[in-house]
Amino acid sequence: RDPHNLNEICEAAIQYLHGEEFHIYPDFPTGGSIDVSRYNDGQRGGVVRVRAKIEKRDNKTLAITEIPYGKTTGTASKPSTFIESILKANEKGKIKIRNVEDLTADKAEILIHLTPGASSDKTIDALYACTDCEISISPNCCVIDEKKPCFLSISDVLRRNVDTTLNLLKQERLIRRGELMEALHFASLEQIFIEERIYKDKQFENAKTMDAACEWIDERLTPWYPKMVREVTKDDILRLMDIKMARILKFNKDKAEENIARIKDEVKQIDKELANMVEVTCDWFRFIQEKYGKDHPRL
């Protein structure tokens, strides 16, 4: 497992979209500090070193308040290998302590009481060197690519996911644009059909068959066809014939034109976004960062 920080992922995504160099490093929920100099972008062979957080409470007491990822303080029934590593180092004479006191509750708190005369600074150095207060973690990023396992760098994973995000956002807008163009198409047909009172034409009212009625409507609409967003089909004409008389009587020209104008404005905005999908995608990552970033600080 190789967790990363949400804020830095969003920032790296924006940098990638802008063609800038980016770096992302792992983060771990248990806290501590991390050395990423040999991270190797999350590829096999890379390694990070994670250290516990050790505080000086006084000259004779050290407190471990954050432990390396993968380690636990243990329970009464299952002793902690983390604490055992400290006790073993003491037995071997690598550190000089009187005892270890585990006061962990919701947060880690392990007190280490030093022997008289022991240096707290040297003991801290020895804890990092000889116990699980510092461990190495080897990242191993394996993903399924075209139904096969594939080892990628973290940067490659981010690039692929950002590209996918951009394409999904683009598809959303294309779908919405298609819906709007259909709405605009029929709104325009409906306006012409009602304003020109085609439904009152004798040729329409006296038509002997449905096909004859459709042919007359088609003929009457022909002058407006060049301005239509797409070709008018028989289904469009049949849909016009399904308009209820109550809707025709309530038809309001101003509202109809306002609705058409609103649709055109939204189409115009979508076209603007489609022409600038990089910034649209950047805004999406900024939104994610603003909404969730504060709840996911680097630990």
C-alpha atoms as a PDB file:
ATOM      1  CA  ARG A   1       0.000   0.000   0.000  1.00  0.00           C
ATOM      2  CA  ASP A   2       1.358   3.422  -0.944  1.00  0.00           C
ATOM      3  CA  PRO A   3      -1.026   6.179   0.261  1.00  0.00           C
ATOM      4  CA  HIS A   4      -0.569   9.738  -0.931  1.00  0.00           C
ATOM      5  CA  ASN A   5      -1.770  13.119   0.261  1.00  0.00           C
ATOM      6  CA  LEU A   6      -4.938  14.454  -1.400  1.00  0.00           C
ATOM      7  CA  ASN A   7      -3.789  18.078  -1.497  1.00  0.00           C
ATOM      8  CA  GLU A   8      -0.511  17.213  -3.170  1.00  0.00           C
ATOM      9  CA  ILE A   9      -2.218  14.908  -5.678  1.00  0.00           C
ATOM     10  CA  CYS A  10      -4.535  17.750  -6.725  1.00  0.00           C
ATOM     11  CA  GLU A  11      -1.625  20.176  -6.998  1.00  0.00           C
ATOM     12  CA  ALA A  12       0.393  17.648  -9.038  1.00  0.00           C
ATOM     13  CA  ALA A  13      -2.600  17.067 -11.329  1.00  0.00           C
ATOM     14  CA  ILE A  14      -2.846  20.807 -12.032  1.00  0.00           C
ATOM     15  CA  GLN A  15       0.908  21.037 -12.650  1.00  0.00           C
ATOM     16  CA  TYR A  16       0.733  18.097 -15.082  1.00  0.00           C
ATOM     17  CA  LEU A  17      -2.177  19.686 -16.954  1.00  0.00           C
ATOM     18  CA  HIS A  18      -0.153  22.892 -17.295  1.00  0.00           C
ATOM     19  CA  GLY A  19       2.834  20.947 -18.626  1.00  0.00           C
ATOM     20  CA  GLU A  20       4.897  21.606 -15.509  1.00  0.00           C
ATOM     21  CA  GLU A  21       7.173  19.228 -13.602  1.00  0.00           C
ATOM     22  CA  PHE A  22       5.561  17.663 -10.533  1.00  0.00           C
ATOM     23  CA  HIS A  23       6.510  15.394  -7.639  1.00  0.00           C
ATOM     24  CA  ILE A  24       4.280  13.454  -5.260  1.00  0.00           C
ATOM     25  CA  TYR A  25       5.389  11.493  -2.232  1.00  0.00           C
ATOM     26  CA  PRO A  26       3.645   8.997   0.043  1.00  0.00           C
ATOM     27  CA  ASP A  27       1.922   9.959   3.255  1.00  0.00           C
ATOM     28  CA  PHE A  28       1.048   7.667   6.139  1.00  0.00           C
ATOM     29  CA  PRO A  29      -1.897   7.897   8.568  1.00  0.00           C
ATOM     30  CA  THR A  30       0.182   7.157  11.655  1.00  0.00           C
ATOM     31  CA  GLY A  31       2.290  10.276  11.175  1.00  0.00           C
ATOM     32  CA  GLY A  32       5.979  10.570  12.037  1.00  0.00           C
ATOM     33  CA  SER A  33       8.527  11.872   9.551  1.00  0.00           C
ATOM     34  CA  ILE A  34       9.652  10.527   6.198  1.00  0.00           C
ATOM     35  CA  ASP A  35      12.784  10.445   4.054  1.00  0.00           C
ATOM     36  CA  VAL A  36      11.838  10.212   0.359  1.00  0.00           C
ATOM     37  CA  SER A  37      15.313  10.665  -1.167  1.00  0.00           C
ATOM     38  CA  ARG A  38      15.230   7.063  -2.504  1.00  0.00           C
ATOM     39  CA  TYR A  39      11.509   6.893  -3.262  1.00  0.00           C
ATOM     40  CA  ASN A  40      12.161   6.381  -6.994  1.00  0.00           C
ATOM     41  CA  ASP A  41       8.685   7.621  -7.958  1.00  0.00           C
ATOM     42  CA  GLY A  42       7.027   4.605  -6.327  1.00  0.00           C
ATOM     43  CA  GLN A  43       8.699   2.063  -8.607  1.00  0.00           C
ATOM     44  CA  ARG A  44      10.174  -1.275  -7.583  1.00  0.00           C
ATOM     45  CA  GLY A  45      13.539  -0.844  -5.967  1.00  0.00           C
ATOM     46  CA  GLY A  46      12.561   2.414  -4.348  1.00  0.00           C
ATOM     47  CA  VAL A  47      12.392   2.800  -0.590  1.00  0.00           C
ATOM     48  CA  VAL A  48      11.270   5.381   1.962  1.00  0.00           C
ATOM     49  CA  ARG A  49      12.369   5.621   5.576  1.00  0.00           C
ATOM     50  CA  VAL A  50       9.725   6.458   8.143  1.00  0.00           C
ATOM     51  CA  ARG A  51      10.572   7.665  11.646  1.00  0.00           C
ATOM     52  CA  ALA A  52       8.564   7.840  14.830  1.00  0.00           C
ATOM     53  CA  LYS A  53       8.096  11.211  16.496  1.00  0.00           C
ATOM     54  CA  ILE A  54      10.073  11.346  19.748  1.00  0.00           C
ATOM     55  CA  GLU A  55       9.754  14.212  22.214  1.00  0.00           C
ATOM     56  CA  LYS A  56      11.808  15.101  25.265  1.00  0.00           C
ATOM     57  CA  ARG A  57       9.451  15.375  28.249  1.00  0.00           C
ATOM     58  CA  ASP A  58      12.325  16.014  30.639  1.00  0.00           C
ATOM     59  CA  ASN A  59      15.976  14.951  31.063  1.00  0.00           C
ATOM     60  CA  LYS A  60      14.945  11.445  32.115  1.00  0.00           C
ATOM     61  CA  THR A  61      11.862  10.851  29.962  1.00  0.00           C
ATOM     62  CA  LEU A  62      11.241  10.508  26.244  1.00  0.00           C
ATOM     63  CA  ALA A  63       7.762  10.268  24.698  1.00  0.00           C
ATOM     64  CA  ILE A  64       6.911   8.596  21.387  1.00  0.00           C
ATOM     65  CA  THR A  65       3.740  10.294  20.124  1.00  0.00           C
ATOM     66  CA  GLU A  66       3.676   9.056  16.515  1.00  0.00           C
ATOM     67  CA  ILE A  67       4.849   5.650  15.296  1.00  0.00           C
ATOM     68  CA  PRO A  68       5.918   4.419  11.851  1.00  0.00           C
ATOM     69  CA  TYR A  69       3.289   3.156   9.430  1.00  0.00           C
ATOM     70  CA  GLY A  70       2.579  -0.560   9.851  1.00  0.00           C
ATOM     71  CA  LYS A  71       3.526  -0.617  13.527  1.00  0.00           C
ATOM     72  CA  THR A  72       1.121  -0.739  16.471  1.00  0.00           C
ATOM     73  CA  THR A  73       1.435  -0.182  20.203  1.00  0.00           C
ATOM     74  CA  GLY A  74      -0.171  -3.591  20.784  1.00  0.00           C
ATOM     75  CA  THR A  75      -2.750  -4.804  23.292  1.00  0.00           C
ATOM     76  CA  ALA A  76      -2.747  -6.733  26.537  1.00  0.00           C
ATOM     77  CA  SER A  77      -3.307 -10.009  24.684  1.00  0.00           C
ATOM     78  CA  LYS A  78      -0.974  -9.198  21.789  1.00  0.00           C
ATOM     79  CA  PRO A  79       2.281  -7.477  22.794  1.00  0.00           C
ATOM     80  CA  SER A  80       3.606  -4.778  20.487  1.00  0.00           C
ATOM     81  CA  THR A  81       6.552  -5.708  18.279  1.00  0.00           C
ATOM     82  CA  PHE A  82       7.303  -2.007  18.250  1.00  0.00           C
ATOM     83  CA  ILE A  83       7.796  -1.880  22.023  1.00  0.00           C
ATOM     84  CA  GLU A  84       9.546  -5.273  21.956  1.00  0.00           C
ATOM     85  CA  SER A  85      12.138  -3.826  19.571  1.00  0.00           C
ATOM     86  CA  ILE A  86      12.920  -1.142  22.161  1.00  0.00           C
ATOM     87  CA  LEU A  87      13.178  -3.681  24.999  1.00  0.00           C
ATOM     88  CA  LYS A  88      15.463  -5.941  22.928  1.00  0.00           C
ATOM     89  CA  ALA A  89      17.742  -3.010  22.090  1.00  0.00           C
ATOM     90  CA  ASN A  90      17.963  -2.307  25.835  1.00  0.00           C
ATOM     91  CA  GLU A  91      18.794  -5.953  26.578  1.00  0.00           C
ATOM     92  CA  LYS A  92      21.605  -5.836  24.015  1.00  0.00           C
ATOM     93  CA  GLY A  93      22.995  -2.684  25.583  1.00  0.00           C
ATOM     94  CA  LYS A  94      22.361  -0.500  22.563  1.00  0.00           C
ATOM     95  CA  ILE A  95      20.236   1.890  24.632  1.00  0.00           C
ATOM     96  CA  LYS A  96      20.060   2.504  28.390  1.00  0.00           C
ATOM     97  CA  ILE A  97      16.516   2.740  29.751  1.00  0.00           C
ATOM     98  CA  ARG A  98      14.797   1.811  33.020  1.00  0.00           C
ATOM     99  CA  ASN A  99      11.435   0.860  31.537  1.00  0.00           C
ATOM    100  CA  VAL A 100       8.826   1.549  28.855  1.00  0.00           C
ATOM    101  CA  GLU A 101       5.336   2.772  29.766  1.00  0.00           C
ATOM    102  CA  ASP A 102       2.530   2.508  27.197  1.00  0.00           C
ATOM    103  CA  LEU A 103      -0.117   5.184  27.820  1.00  0.00           C
ATOM    104  CA  THR A 104      -1.649   4.976  24.348  1.00  0.00           C
ATOM    105  CA  ALA A 105      -5.373   5.791  24.122  1.00  0.00           C
ATOM    106  CA  ASP A 106      -6.808   7.414  20.991  1.00  0.00           C
ATOM    107  CA  LYS A 107      -3.304   8.637  20.160  1.00  0.00           C
ATOM    108  CA  ALA A 108       0.070   6.987  20.596  1.00  0.00           C
ATOM    109  CA  GLU A 109       1.935   7.845  23.798  1.00  0.00           C
ATOM    110  CA  ILE A 110       4.826   5.601  24.815  1.00  0.00           C
ATOM    111  CA  LEU A 111       7.014   6.904  27.630  1.00  0.00           C
ATOM    112  CA  ILE A 112      10.640   5.771  27.806  1.00  0.00           C
ATOM    113  CA  HIS A 113      12.268   6.332  31.199  1.00  0.00           C
ATOM    114  CA  LEU A 114      16.052   6.630  30.948  1.00  0.00           C
ATOM    115  CA  THR A 115      18.619   5.314  33.397  1.00  0.00           C
ATOM    116  CA  PRO A 116      20.488   7.903  35.470  1.00  0.00           C
ATOM    117  CA  GLY A 117      23.248   9.557  33.479  1.00  0.00           C
ATOM    118  CA  ALA A 118      21.927   8.427  30.068  1.00  0.00           C
ATOM    119  CA  SER A 119      21.973  11.093  27.359  1.00  0.00           C
ATOM    120  CA  SER A 120      18.525  11.785  25.905  1.00  0.00           C
ATOM    121  CA  ASP A 121      20.012  12.927  22.567  1.00  0.00           C
ATOM    122  CA  LYS A 122      22.160   9.801  22.187  1.00  0.00           C
ATOM    123  CA  THR A 123      19.234   7.616  23.215  1.00  0.00           C
ATOM    124  CA  ILE A 124      17.045   9.187  20.520  1.00  0.00           C
ATOM    125  CA  ASP A 125      19.753   8.517  17.919  1.00  0.00           C
ATOM    126  CA  ALA A 126      20.055   4.916  19.131  1.00  0.00           C
ATOM    127  CA  LEU A 127      16.266   4.416  19.051  1.00  0.00           C
ATOM    128  CA  TYR A 128      16.241   5.401  15.388  1.00  0.00           C
ATOM    129  CA  ALA A 129      19.262   3.256  14.580  1.00  0.00           C
ATOM    130  CA  CYS A 130      18.495   0.101  16.557  1.00  0.00           C
ATOM    131  CA  THR A 131      14.696  -0.158  16.990  1.00  0.00           C
ATOM    132  CA  ASP A 132      11.483   0.065  14.984  1.00  0.00           C
ATOM    133  CA  CYS A 133      11.417   3.809  15.649  1.00  0.00           C
ATOM    134  CA  GLU A 134      12.771   3.963  12.096  1.00  0.00           C
ATOM    135  CA  ILE A 135      11.760   1.476   9.406  1.00  0.00           C
ATOM    136  CA  SER A 136      12.137   1.157   5.659  1.00  0.00           C
ATOM    137  CA  ILE A 137       9.080   0.734   3.421  1.00  0.00           C
ATOM    138  CA  SER A 138       9.410  -0.467  -0.164  1.00  0.00           C
ATOM    139  CA  PRO A 139       6.711   0.865  -2.489  1.00  0.00           C
ATOM    140  CA  ASN A 140       5.381  -1.526  -5.084  1.00  0.00           C
ATOM    141  CA  CYS A 141       2.821   0.100  -7.372  1.00  0.00           C
ATOM    142  CA  CYS A 142       1.051  -2.594  -9.371  1.00  0.00           C
ATOM    143  CA  VAL A 143      -2.094  -1.839 -11.391  1.00  0.00           C
ATOM    144  CA  ILE A 144      -4.245  -3.772 -13.833  1.00  0.00           C
ATOM    145  CA  ASP A 145      -3.683  -2.425 -17.346  1.00  0.00           C
ATOM    146  CA  GLU A 146      -5.550  -4.064 -20.226  1.00  0.00           C
ATOM    147  CA  LYS A 147      -6.385  -7.044 -17.990  1.00  0.00           C
ATOM    148  CA  LYS A 148      -2.743  -7.596 -17.057  1.00  0.00           C
ATOM    149  CA  PRO A 149      -0.744  -6.611 -13.957  1.00  0.00           C
ATOM    150  CA  CYS A 150       1.623  -3.771 -14.716  1.00  0.00           C
ATOM    151  CA  PHE A 151       4.206  -2.011 -12.547  1.00  0.00           C
ATOM    152  CA  LEU A 152       4.030   1.744 -13.050  1.00  0.00           C
ATOM    153  CA  SER A 153       5.525   4.788 -11.402  1.00  0.00           C
ATOM    154  CA  ILE A 154       3.244   6.937  -9.299  1.00  0.00           C
ATOM    155  CA  SER A 155       3.686   9.746 -11.838  1.00  0.00           C
ATOM    156  CA  ASP A 156       2.437   7.463 -14.626  1.00  0.00           C
ATOM    157  CA  VAL A 157      -0.607   6.517 -12.543  1.00  0.00           C
ATOM    158  CA  LEU A 158      -1.383  10.179 -11.921  1.00  0.00           C
ATOM    159  CA  ARG A 159      -0.985  11.093 -15.606  1.00  0.00           C
ATOM    160  CA  ARG A 160      -3.327   8.323 -16.712  1.00  0.00           C
ATOM    161  CA  ASN A 161      -5.950   9.214 -14.133  1.00  0.00           C
ATOM    162  CA  VAL A 162      -5.793  12.927 -14.899  1.00  0.00           C
ATOM    163  CA  ASP A 163      -6.180  12.192 -18.621  1.00  0.00           C
ATOM    164  CA  THR A 164      -9.173   9.975 -17.820  1.00  0.00           C
ATOM    165  CA  THR A 165     -10.679  12.724 -15.662  1.00  0.00           C
ATOM    166  CA  LEU A 166     -10.297  15.247 -18.482  1.00  0.00           C
ATOM    167  CA  ASN A 167     -11.974  12.879 -20.945  1.00  0.00           C
ATOM    168  CA  LEU A 168     -14.848  12.148 -18.552  1.00  0.00           C
ATOM    169  CA  LEU A 169     -15.452  15.844 -17.945  1.00  0.00           C
ATOM    170  CA  LYS A 170     -15.406  16.377 -21.696  1.00  0.00           C
ATOM    171  CA  GLN A 171     -17.898  13.560 -22.268  1.00  0.00           C
ATOM    172  CA  GLU A 172     -20.226  15.022 -19.628  1.00  0.00           C
ATOM    173  CA  ARG A 173     -20.282  18.310 -21.499  1.00  0.00           C
ATOM    174  CA  LEU A 174     -20.770  16.658 -24.870  1.00  0.00           C
ATOM    175  CA  ILE A 175     -23.711  14.674 -23.500  1.00  0.00           C
ATOM    176  CA  ARG A 176     -25.243  17.794 -21.953  1.00  0.00           C
ATOM    177  CA  ARG A 177     -24.684  19.719 -25.185  1.00  0.00           C
ATOM    178  CA  GLY A 178     -26.494  17.002 -27.130  1.00  0.00           C
ATOM    179  CA  GLU A 179     -29.429  17.183 -24.729  1.00  0.00           C
ATOM    180  CA  LEU A 180     -29.581  20.960 -25.053  1.00  0.00           C
ATOM    181  CA  MET A 181     -29.442  20.860 -28.844  1.00  0.00           C
ATOM    182  CA  GLU A 182     -32.357  18.417 -28.883  1.00  0.00           C
ATOM    183  CA  ALA A 183     -34.285  20.690 -26.521  1.00  0.00           C
ATOM    184  CA  LEU A 184     -33.458  23.697 -28.718  1.00  0.00           C
ATOM    185  CA  HIS A 185     -34.494  21.796 -31.848  1.00  0.00           C
ATOM    186  CA  PHE A 186     -37.932  20.890 -30.555  1.00  0.00           C
ATOM    187  CA  ALA A 187     -38.504  24.235 -28.810  1.00  0.00           C
ATOM    188  CA  SER A 188     -37.896  25.948 -32.155  1.00  0.00           C
ATOM    189  CA  LEU A 189     -40.217  23.553 -33.994  1.00  0.00           C
ATOM    190  CA  GLU A 190     -42.920  23.978 -31.375  1.00  0.00           C
ATOM    191  CA  GLN A 191     -42.691  27.769 -31.540  1.00  0.00           C
ATOM    192  CA  ILE A 192     -43.075  27.769 -35.336  1.00  0.00           C
ATOM    193  CA  PHE A 193     -45.871  25.187 -35.250  1.00  0.00           C
ATOM    194  CA  ILE A 194     -47.910  27.240 -32.771  1.00  0.00           C
ATOM    195  CA  GLU A 195     -47.093  30.792 -33.885  1.00  0.00           C
ATOM    196  CA  GLU A 196     -47.765  29.967 -37.533  1.00  0.00           C
ATOM    197  CA  ARG A 197     -50.992  28.207 -36.463  1.00  0.00           C
ATOM    198  CA  ILE A 198     -50.119  25.210 -38.617  1.00  0.00           C
ATOM    199  CA  TYR A 199     -52.437  23.115 -36.472  1.00  0.00           C
ATOM    200  CA  LYS A 200     -55.345  25.293 -37.809  1.00  0.00           C
ATOM    201  CA  ASP A 201     -54.558  24.771 -41.502  1.00  0.00           C
ATOM    202  CA  LYS A 202     -57.462  23.160 -43.365  1.00  0.00           C
ATOM    203  CA  GLN A 203     -55.057  20.847 -45.176  1.00  0.00           C
ATOM    204  CA  PHE A 204     -53.942  19.585 -41.769  1.00  0.00           C
ATOM    205  CA  GLU A 205     -57.395  19.379 -40.191  1.00  0.00           C
ATOM    206  CA  ASN A 206     -58.912  17.653 -43.243  1.00  0.00           C
ATOM    207  CA  ALA A 207     -56.035  15.276 -43.858  1.00  0.00           C
ATOM    208  CA  LYS A 208     -57.421  11.774 -44.444  1.00  0.00           C
ATOM    209  CA  THR A 209     -54.394   9.927 -43.165  1.00  0.00           C
ATOM    210  CA  MET A 210     -51.596  10.500 -40.661  1.00  0.00           C
ATOM    211  CA  ASP A 211     -49.066  10.426 -43.492  1.00  0.00           C
ATOM    212  CA  ALA A 212     -50.940  13.172 -45.317  1.00  0.00           C
ATOM    213  CA  ALA A 213     -51.005  15.309 -42.155  1.00  0.00           C
ATOM    214  CA  CYS A 214     -47.273  14.781 -41.662  1.00  0.00           C
ATOM    215  CA  GLU A 215     -46.560  15.706 -45.268  1.00  0.00           C
ATOM    216  CA  TRP A 216     -48.460  18.976 -44.898  1.00  0.00           C
ATOM    217  CA  ILE A 217     -46.629  19.925 -41.691  1.00  0.00           C
ATOM    218  CA  ASP A 218     -43.342  19.039 -43.377  1.00  0.00           C
ATOM    219  CA  GLU A 219     -44.207  21.309 -46.308  1.00  0.00           C
ATOM    220  CA  ARG A 220     -45.196  24.193 -44.023  1.00  0.00           C
ATOM    221  CA  LEU A 221     -41.995  23.887 -41.978  1.00  0.00           C
ATOM    222  CA  THR A 222     -39.695  23.730 -44.999  1.00  0.00           C
ATOM    223  CA  PRO A 223     -38.881  27.507 -45.095  1.00  0.00           C
ATOM    224  CA  TRP A 224     -37.403  27.239 -41.568  1.00  0.00           C
ATOM    225  CA  TYR A 225     -35.375  24.074 -42.127  1.00  0.00           C
ATOM    226  CA  PRO A 226     -32.099  25.886 -42.978  1.00  0.00           C
ATOM    227  CA  LYS A 227     -32.136  27.418 -39.485  1.00  0.00           C
ATOM    228  CA  MET A 228     -32.775  24.135 -37.652  1.00  0.00           C
ATOM    229  CA  VAL A 229     -29.952  22.612 -35.609  1.00  0.00           C
ATOM    230  CA  ARG A 230     -30.448  19.281 -37.354  1.00  0.00           C
ATOM    231  CA  GLU A 231     -32.643  17.604 -39.965  1.00  0.00           C
ATOM    232  CA  VAL A 232     -36.349  17.434 -39.083  1.00  0.00           C
ATOM    233  CA  THR A 233     -37.554  13.829 -38.991  1.00  0.00           C
ATOM    234  CA  LYS A 234     -40.987  12.245 -39.141  1.00  0.00           C
ATOM    235  CA  ASP A 235     -40.672  11.499 -35.404  1.00  0.00           C
ATOM    236  CA  ASP A 236     -40.273  15.244 -34.786  1.00  0.00           C
ATOM    237  CA  ILE A 237     -43.483  15.928 -36.745  1.00  0.00           C
ATOM    238  CA  LEU A 238     -45.378  13.191 -34.933  1.00  0.00           C
ATOM    239  CA  ARG A 239     -44.242  14.717 -31.655  1.00  0.00           C
ATOM    240  CA  LEU A 240     -45.647  18.087 -32.755  1.00  0.00           C
ATOM    241  CA  MET A 241     -48.975  16.406 -33.400  1.00  0.00           C
ATOM    242  CA  ASP A 242     -49.006  15.117 -29.821  1.00  0.00           C
ATOM    243  CA  ILE A 243     -48.990  18.637 -28.357  1.00  0.00           C
ATOM    244  CA  LYS A 244     -52.115  19.090 -26.230  1.00  0.00           C
ATOM    245  CA  MET A 245     -54.530  21.903 -27.055  1.00  0.00           C
ATOM    246  CA  ALA A 246     -54.194  23.171 -23.478  1.00  0.00           C
ATOM    247  CA  ARG A 247     -50.479  23.714 -24.064  1.00  0.00           C
ATOM    248  CA  ILE A 248     -51.191  25.535 -27.330  1.00  0.00           C
ATOM    249  CA  LEU A 249     -53.687  27.842 -25.625  1.00  0.00           C
ATOM    250  CA  LYS A 250     -51.231  28.615 -22.826  1.00  0.00           C
ATOM    251  CA  PHE A 251     -48.346  29.217 -25.216  1.00  0.00           C
ATOM    252  CA  ASN A 252     -46.473  32.431 -24.431  1.00  0.00           C
ATOM    253  CA  LYS A 253     -44.191  33.802 -27.137  1.00  0.00           C
ATOM    254  CA  ASP A 254     -42.021  35.792 -24.744  1.00  0.00           C
ATOM    255  CA  LYS A 255     -41.463  32.792 -22.468  1.00  0.00           C
ATOM    256  CA  ALA A 256     -40.728  30.563 -25.447  1.00  0.00           C
ATOM    257  CA  GLU A 257     -38.096  32.973 -26.747  1.00  0.00           C
ATOM    258  CA  GLU A 258     -36.663  33.341 -23.253  1.00  0.00           C
ATOM    259  CA  ASN A 259     -36.361  29.555 -22.968  1.00  0.00           C
ATOM    260  CA  ILE A 260     -34.644  29.318 -26.371  1.00  0.00           C
ATOM    261  CA  ALA A 261     -32.246  32.112 -25.402  1.00  0.00           C
ATOM    262  CA  ARG A 262     -31.436  30.348 -22.126  1.00  0.00           C
ATOM    263  CA  ILE A 263     -30.669  27.100 -23.966  1.00  0.00           C
ATOM    264  CA  LYS A 264     -28.433  28.937 -26.452  1.00  0.00           C
ATOM    265  CA  ASP A 265     -26.555  30.634 -23.595  1.00  0.00           C
ATOM    266  CA  GLU A 266     -25.866  27.300 -21.918  1.00  0.00           C
ATOM    267  CA  VAL A 267     -24.708  25.794 -25.224  1.00  0.00           C
ATOM    268  CA  LYS A 268     -22.401  28.784 -25.690  1.00  0.00           C
ATOM    269  CA  GLN A 269     -20.933  28.246 -22.204  1.00  0.00           C
ATOM    270  CA  ILE A 270     -20.403  24.536 -22.866  1.00  0.00           C
ATOM    271  CA  ASP A 271     -18.693  25.294 -26.175  1.00  0.00           C
ATOM    272  CA  LYS A 272     -16.396  27.684 -24.334  1.00  0.00           C
ATOM    273  CA  GLU A 273     -15.534  24.966 -21.799  1.00  0.00           C
ATOM    274  CA  LEU A 274     -14.988  22.345 -24.506  1.00  0.00           C
ATOM    275  CA  ALA A 275     -12.471  24.671 -26.123  1.00  0.00           C
ATOM    276  CA  ASN A 276     -10.579  24.985 -22.830  1.00  0.00           C
ATOM    277  CA  MET A 277     -10.808  21.569 -21.169  1.00  0.00           C
ATOM    278  CA  VAL A 278      -7.412  21.874 -19.491  1.00  0.00           C
ATOM    279  CA  GLU A 279      -8.564  24.751 -17.274  1.00  0.00           C
ATOM    280  CA  VAL A 280     -11.952  23.087 -16.738  1.00  0.00           C
ATOM    281  CA  THR A 281     -10.133  20.012 -15.413  1.00  0.00           C
ATOM    282  CA  CYS A 282      -7.832  22.173 -13.284  1.00  0.00           C
ATOM    283  CA  ASP A 283     -10.906  23.835 -11.769  1.00  0.00           C
ATOM    284  CA  TRP A 284     -12.310  20.382 -11.005  1.00  0.00           C
ATOM    285  CA  PHE A 285      -9.167  19.420  -9.034  1.00  0.00           C
ATOM    286  CA  ARG A 286      -9.226  22.797  -7.267  1.00  0.00           C
ATOM    287  CA  PHE A 287     -12.845  22.096  -6.281  1.00  0.00           C
ATOM    288  CA  ILE A 288     -11.880  18.656  -4.899  1.00  0.00           C
ATOM    289  CA  GLN A 289      -8.972  20.175  -2.993  1.00  0.00           C
ATOM    290  CA  GLU A 290     -11.068  22.990  -1.558  1.00  0.00           C
ATOM    291  CA  LYS A 291     -13.896  20.664  -0.532  1.00  0.00           C
ATOM    292  CA  TYR A 292     -11.884  17.790   0.952  1.00  0.00           C
ATOM    293  CA  GLY A 293      -8.305  19.014   1.330  1.00  0.00           C
ATOM    294  CA  LYS A 294      -8.733  20.526   4.793  1.00  0.00           C
ATOM    295  CA  ASP A 295      -9.814  17.122   6.115  1.00  0.00           C
ATOM    296  CA  HIS A 296      -6.702  15.435   4.738  1.00  0.00           C
ATOM    297  CA  PRO A 297      -3.589  17.322   5.881  1.00  0.00           C
ATOM    298  CA  ARG A 298      -0.198  15.715   5.370  1.00  0.00           C
ATOM    299  CA  LEU A 299       0.544  13.556   8.408  1.00  0.00           C
END
